[in-house]
Amino acid sequence: MRLLRAEEYIKSAKKRNSIDTVFVGVHIRRTDYANHLKALYQGDQVDEAYFNRAMDFYQSKYNNSAIFIIVSDDMEWAKNSFQNRPDVALLGNEKVLPNDVKNPFSYSEDIGEDLALLASCNHTIMSFGTFGLWGAMLAGGNVVLPKQILEVKEGIDLNGAKVLDPVKGWFIM
């Protein structure tokens, strides 16, 4: 089971590092959201540079002791984008099962496992969507979001609720 592999990885990383390891969950939503962003908000997906800036922010904040646990609906893109970063662990499910439009309330283990991975981290980097947002809220800690978040419904709602505040640990990059 993937969660056992992730748990073993996390335990091993803690043992290897003499300093306290900080785990940062990274939610990268890509496949279905590109069309959504274009159609509703005339926006674009966040790119590799955003995630690298956010990772560098955490490394700077935590003295290079962060390990980034990546969960995505496009693990191939994540693998290609971050394969040269030794601080990245691609622990999310390789393939997220497609939505079943005839049974919209069905779920699969991959979704629960990926959410559990995000929730088990100390901090979060997210792109778009409520899945990453739930992962961030369940994890607690600091949250880094892309500046484009202010243009979509979730960001507008968070901003209206006065959540997007660095004092509260929510940073926009």
Protein backbone atom coordinates (compact mmCIF):
# COMPACT_ATOMS: atom_id res chain seq x y z
CA MET A 1 0.00 0.00 0.00
CA ARG A 2 1.29 3.43 -0.97
CA LEU A 3 0.67 4.97 2.48
CA LEU A 4 2.94 2.40 4.12
CA ARG A 5 5.67 3.26 1.61
CA ALA A 6 5.19 6.95 2.36
CA GLU A 7 5.31 6.32 6.11
CA GLU A 8 8.54 4.33 5.69
CA TYR A 9 10.02 7.12 3.57
CA ILE A 10 9.15 9.75 6.18
CA LYS A 11 10.60 7.69 9.04
CA SER A 12 13.76 7.06 7.04
CA ALA A 13 14.15 10.76 6.20
CA LYS A 14 13.80 11.71 9.86
CA LYS A 15 16.53 9.23 10.81
CA ARG A 16 18.91 10.42 8.06
CA ASN A 17 18.76 14.07 9.03
CA SER A 18 20.45 15.28 12.19
CA ILE A 19 18.27 18.39 12.20
CA ASP A 20 14.51 18.35 12.52
CA THR A 21 12.97 17.51 9.18
CA VAL A 22 10.04 19.63 8.05
CA PHE A 23 7.59 17.98 5.68
CA VAL A 24 5.80 20.20 3.18
CA GLY A 25 2.88 18.80 1.22
CA VAL A 26 2.76 20.01 -2.38
CA HIS A 27 -0.53 19.74 -4.23
CA ILE A 28 -0.21 20.19 -7.99
CA ARG A 29 -3.50 20.20 -9.89
CA ARG A 30 -3.10 20.28 -13.64
CA THR A 31 -5.10 17.94 -15.85
CA ASP A 32 -8.69 19.13 -15.56
CA TYR A 33 -8.04 22.60 -14.20
CA ALA A 34 -6.39 24.16 -17.26
CA ASN A 35 -9.68 24.36 -19.18
CA HIS A 36 -11.53 25.49 -16.05
CA LEU A 37 -9.07 28.35 -15.49
CA LYS A 38 -9.25 29.47 -19.12
CA ALA A 39 -13.03 29.23 -19.44
CA LEU A 40 -14.05 30.85 -16.15
CA TYR A 41 -11.16 33.14 -15.27
CA GLN A 42 -9.08 33.57 -18.45
CA GLY A 43 -6.17 32.37 -16.30
CA ASP A 44 -3.25 30.02 -16.67
CA GLN A 45 -1.93 27.20 -14.54
CA VAL A 46 0.96 27.85 -12.22
CA ASP A 47 4.31 26.77 -13.56
CA GLU A 48 7.42 25.04 -12.31
CA ALA A 49 8.98 28.39 -11.35
CA TYR A 50 6.17 29.04 -8.81
CA PHE A 51 6.71 25.70 -7.11
CA ASN A 52 10.48 26.20 -7.04
CA ARG A 53 10.06 29.68 -5.46
CA ALA A 54 7.72 28.22 -2.86
CA MET A 55 10.11 25.35 -2.11
CA ASP A 56 13.01 27.79 -1.81
CA PHE A 57 10.90 29.88 0.59
CA TYR A 58 10.45 26.88 2.90
CA GLN A 59 14.10 25.83 2.61
CA SER A 60 15.14 29.35 3.60
CA LYS A 61 12.62 29.47 6.44
CA TYR A 62 13.63 26.06 7.84
CA ASN A 63 17.42 26.01 7.25
CA ASN A 64 17.28 23.59 4.32
CA SER A 65 15.56 20.92 6.39
CA ALA A 66 12.38 20.66 4.28
CA ILE A 67 11.32 17.63 2.28
CA PHE A 68 8.55 18.18 -0.24
CA ILE A 69 5.93 15.46 -0.57
CA ILE A 70 4.30 15.84 -3.98
CA VAL A 71 0.73 14.81 -4.73
CA SER A 72 -0.67 15.54 -8.18
CA ASP A 73 -3.15 14.53 -10.82
CA ASP A 74 -0.20 14.77 -13.22
CA MET A 75 2.70 12.96 -11.55
CA GLU A 76 4.51 12.67 -14.88
CA TRP A 77 4.72 16.47 -15.11
CA ALA A 78 5.88 16.64 -11.49
CA LYS A 79 8.51 13.97 -12.10
CA ASN A 80 9.84 15.80 -15.17
CA SER A 81 9.77 19.17 -13.41
CA PHE A 82 11.40 18.25 -10.10
CA GLN A 83 13.55 15.19 -10.80
CA ASN A 84 16.72 17.17 -10.11
CA ARG A 85 15.64 18.36 -6.67
CA PRO A 86 16.98 16.03 -3.97
CA ASP A 87 14.48 17.48 -1.49
CA VAL A 88 11.44 16.22 -3.44
CA ALA A 89 9.61 12.94 -2.82
CA LEU A 90 7.01 11.94 -5.40
CA LEU A 91 4.80 9.94 -3.06
CA GLY A 92 1.36 10.67 -4.48
CA ASN A 93 -0.46 8.10 -6.54
CA GLU A 94 0.88 7.75 -10.06
CA LYS A 95 -2.53 7.78 -11.65
CA VAL A 96 -5.62 9.31 -10.15
CA LEU A 97 -8.72 7.45 -11.23
CA PRO A 98 -10.95 9.42 -13.60
CA ASN A 99 -14.16 10.98 -12.37
CA ASP A 100 -17.23 8.80 -12.80
CA VAL A 101 -19.83 11.30 -14.02
CA LYS A 102 -22.62 8.72 -13.67
CA ASN A 103 -21.71 8.18 -10.02
CA PRO A 104 -20.32 11.53 -8.80
CA PHE A 105 -20.17 10.52 -5.13
CA SER A 106 -17.96 7.51 -5.78
CA TYR A 107 -14.38 7.68 -4.58
CA SER A 108 -11.26 5.63 -4.78
CA GLU A 109 -8.42 4.87 -2.40
CA ASP A 110 -6.00 7.02 -4.35
CA ILE A 111 -7.86 10.19 -3.42
CA GLY A 112 -7.97 9.32 0.27
CA GLU A 113 -4.32 8.32 0.33
CA ASP A 114 -3.21 11.52 -1.37
CA LEU A 115 -5.27 13.65 1.02
CA ALA A 116 -3.82 11.73 3.99
CA LEU A 117 -0.31 12.44 2.70
CA LEU A 118 -1.01 16.16 2.45
CA ALA A 119 -2.67 16.23 5.86
CA SER A 120 0.28 14.47 7.49
CA CYS A 121 2.72 17.21 6.47
CA ASN A 122 3.75 20.21 8.58
CA HIS A 123 3.11 22.84 5.88
CA THR A 124 1.66 23.15 2.38
CA ILE A 125 2.30 24.48 -1.10
CA MET A 126 -0.81 24.40 -3.25
CA SER A 127 -1.94 25.31 -6.71
CA PHE A 128 -5.72 25.44 -7.18
CA GLY A 129 -8.83 23.64 -6.02
CA THR A 130 -10.56 22.60 -2.86
CA PHE A 131 -8.67 19.29 -2.61
CA GLY A 132 -5.36 21.08 -2.02
CA LEU A 133 -7.14 23.57 0.22
CA TRP A 134 -8.50 20.77 2.41
CA GLY A 135 -5.04 19.22 2.55
CA ALA A 136 -3.63 22.57 3.70
CA MET A 137 -6.31 23.09 6.34
CA LEU A 138 -5.95 19.57 7.70
CA ALA A 139 -2.16 19.86 7.82
CA GLY A 140 -2.18 23.19 9.64
CA GLY A 141 1.06 25.12 9.49
CA ASN A 142 1.99 27.64 6.83
CA VAL A 143 0.45 27.65 3.36
CA VAL A 144 1.94 29.07 0.17
CA LEU A 145 -0.48 29.85 -2.66
CA PRO A 146 0.03 31.27 -6.15
CA LYS A 147 -0.88 34.90 -6.77
CA GLN A 148 -3.45 33.67 -9.31
CA ILE A 149 -5.48 32.26 -6.40
CA LEU A 150 -6.95 35.74 -5.92
CA GLU A 151 -8.67 35.40 -9.31
CA VAL A 152 -10.55 32.14 -8.61
CA LYS A 153 -13.50 31.34 -6.37
CA GLU A 154 -11.52 29.63 -3.61
CA GLY A 155 -9.09 32.54 -3.35
CA ILE A 156 -11.82 35.15 -3.46
CA ASP A 157 -13.60 33.32 -0.62
CA LEU A 158 -10.39 32.95 1.42
CA ASN A 159 -9.54 36.60 0.91
CA GLY A 160 -13.05 37.67 1.90
CA ALA A 161 -12.78 35.60 5.07
CA LYS A 162 -9.47 37.36 5.85
CA VAL A 163 -7.56 34.05 5.81
CA LEU A 164 -4.91 35.09 3.28
CA ASP A 165 -2.64 36.81 5.76
CA PRO A 166 1.07 36.14 6.34
CA VAL A 167 0.49 36.76 10.05
CA LYS A 168 -1.84 33.75 9.97
CA GLY A 169 0.73 31.76 7.96
CA TRP A 170 -0.86 32.08 4.50
CA PHE A 171 1.55 33.47 1.91
CA ILE A 172 0.83 34.44 -1.69
CA MET A 173 3.71 34.17 -4.20
